[in-house]
Amino acid sequence: MTEREICGSFRRAENQKQQIQILTELTCKSKYQIIGILLRNGEKVPKSIENQLFKRLDALDAQIFECEMEYKEIVTALTGENRRKEDGNRIQRHGRTEQEQQGRS
């Protein structure tokens, strides 16, 4: 189905909101791809659909923010200042132990 056919089908539909779902099934495209085609071709999408998309973007933005915060916490835990000191001390202790072992041999 071409973009022109998608737009024509959408324009002729009595229930345009429902037609988007029908078009996703007919074309094997996502709802977002269908909406993108419609907007790119100058079709007016119902305000309720636009509002749903903006709400979804807000939800995704919040999830991304939470994931970024968790990511930063994990990185800090693995490479943070305290960790470096501990690794450094462990390395130093390990080095002394090796030297002591060599001196005793």
Protein backbone atom coordinates (compact mmCIF):
# COMPACT_ATOMS: atom_id res chain seq x y z
CA MET A 1 0.00 0.00 0.00
CA THR A 2 1.48 3.35 -1.02
CA GLU A 3 1.49 6.47 1.13
CA ARG A 4 -1.08 7.99 -1.19
CA GLU A 5 -3.38 4.99 -0.69
CA ILE A 6 -2.88 5.14 3.08
CA CYS A 7 -3.83 8.84 3.12
CA GLY A 8 -6.85 8.28 0.88
CA SER A 9 -8.09 5.43 3.04
CA PHE A 10 -7.65 7.55 6.15
CA ARG A 11 -9.40 10.56 4.60
CA ARG A 12 -12.43 8.50 3.52
CA ALA A 13 -12.82 6.71 6.84
CA GLU A 14 -15.80 7.55 9.02
CA ASN A 15 -13.80 6.75 12.14
CA GLN A 16 -10.27 8.00 11.44
CA LYS A 17 -8.95 6.90 14.82
CA GLN A 18 -10.04 3.33 14.16
CA GLN A 19 -8.77 3.57 10.58
CA ILE A 20 -5.22 4.05 11.85
CA GLN A 21 -5.43 0.66 13.57
CA ILE A 22 -6.87 -0.91 10.41
CA LEU A 23 -4.06 0.58 8.34
CA THR A 24 -1.45 -0.84 10.72
CA GLU A 25 -2.93 -4.30 10.18
CA LEU A 26 -3.17 -3.90 6.39
CA THR A 27 0.33 -2.54 5.92
CA CYS A 28 2.28 -4.26 8.73
CA LYS A 29 3.48 -0.81 9.79
CA SER A 30 3.40 0.52 13.33
CA LYS A 31 0.85 3.04 14.50
CA TYR A 32 3.64 5.59 14.68
CA GLN A 33 4.72 4.90 11.10
CA ILE A 34 1.14 5.33 9.85
CA ILE A 35 0.74 8.60 11.77
CA GLY A 36 4.09 9.78 10.39
CA ILE A 37 2.96 9.03 6.83
CA LEU A 38 -0.28 10.91 7.39
CA LEU A 39 1.44 13.96 8.87
CA ARG A 40 4.20 13.97 6.25
CA ASN A 41 1.51 14.05 3.57
CA GLY A 42 -0.41 16.92 5.15
CA GLU A 43 -3.29 14.93 6.64
CA LYS A 44 -4.92 16.27 9.79
CA VAL A 45 -4.71 13.69 12.55
CA PRO A 46 -7.34 13.90 15.32
CA LYS A 47 -6.17 16.01 18.26
CA SER A 48 -6.79 13.11 20.65
CA ILE A 49 -4.19 11.03 18.80
CA GLU A 50 -1.66 13.87 18.93
CA ASN A 51 -2.34 14.26 22.66
CA GLN A 52 -1.81 10.53 23.20
CA LEU A 53 1.54 10.75 21.41
CA PHE A 54 2.68 13.68 23.53
CA LYS A 55 1.64 11.86 26.71
CA ARG A 56 3.60 8.80 25.56
CA LEU A 57 6.64 10.98 24.86
CA ASP A 58 6.41 12.40 28.38
CA ALA A 59 6.21 8.90 29.85
CA LEU A 60 9.19 7.72 27.79
CA ASP A 61 11.15 10.81 28.79
CA ALA A 62 10.53 10.03 32.46
CA GLN A 63 11.62 6.40 31.95
CA ILE A 64 14.76 7.49 30.13
CA PHE A 65 15.58 9.92 32.93
CA GLU A 66 15.20 7.14 35.52
CA CYS A 67 17.39 4.82 33.46
CA GLU A 68 20.03 7.51 33.05
CA MET A 69 20.08 8.10 36.80
CA GLU A 70 20.45 4.37 37.48
CA TYR A 71 23.18 4.16 34.84
CA LYS A 72 25.10 7.03 36.47
CA GLU A 73 24.74 5.43 39.91
CA ILE A 74 26.10 2.14 38.63
CA VAL A 75 29.02 3.85 36.88
CA THR A 76 29.77 5.80 40.05
CA ALA A 77 29.63 2.60 42.08
CA LEU A 78 32.06 0.89 39.73
CA THR A 79 34.42 3.76 39.05
CA GLY A 80 33.71 6.22 41.84
CA GLU A 81 36.37 7.91 43.97
CA ASN A 82 35.92 5.51 46.89
CA ARG A 83 36.26 2.55 44.60
CA ARG A 84 39.49 3.85 43.13
CA LYS A 85 40.98 4.32 46.59
CA GLU A 86 39.99 0.81 47.58
CA ASP A 87 41.41 -0.65 44.37
CA GLY A 88 44.57 1.39 44.84
CA ASN A 89 44.97 0.18 48.42
CA ARG A 90 44.30 -3.38 47.38
CA ILE A 91 46.84 -3.07 44.60
CA GLN A 92 49.38 -1.58 47.00
CA ARG A 93 48.75 -4.32 49.57
CA HIS A 94 49.02 -6.90 46.84
CA GLY A 95 52.29 -5.35 45.65
CA ARG A 96 53.79 -5.38 49.14
CA THR A 97 52.73 -8.93 49.66
CA GLU A 98 54.49 -9.95 46.46
CA GLN A 99 57.62 -8.03 47.49
CA GLU A 100 57.56 -9.58 50.94
CA GLN A 101 57.18 -13.00 49.39
CA GLN A 102 60.13 -12.34 47.08
CA GLY A 103 62.25 -11.07 49.99
CA ARG A 104 61.52 -14.19 52.03
CA SER A 105 62.40 -16.55 49.19
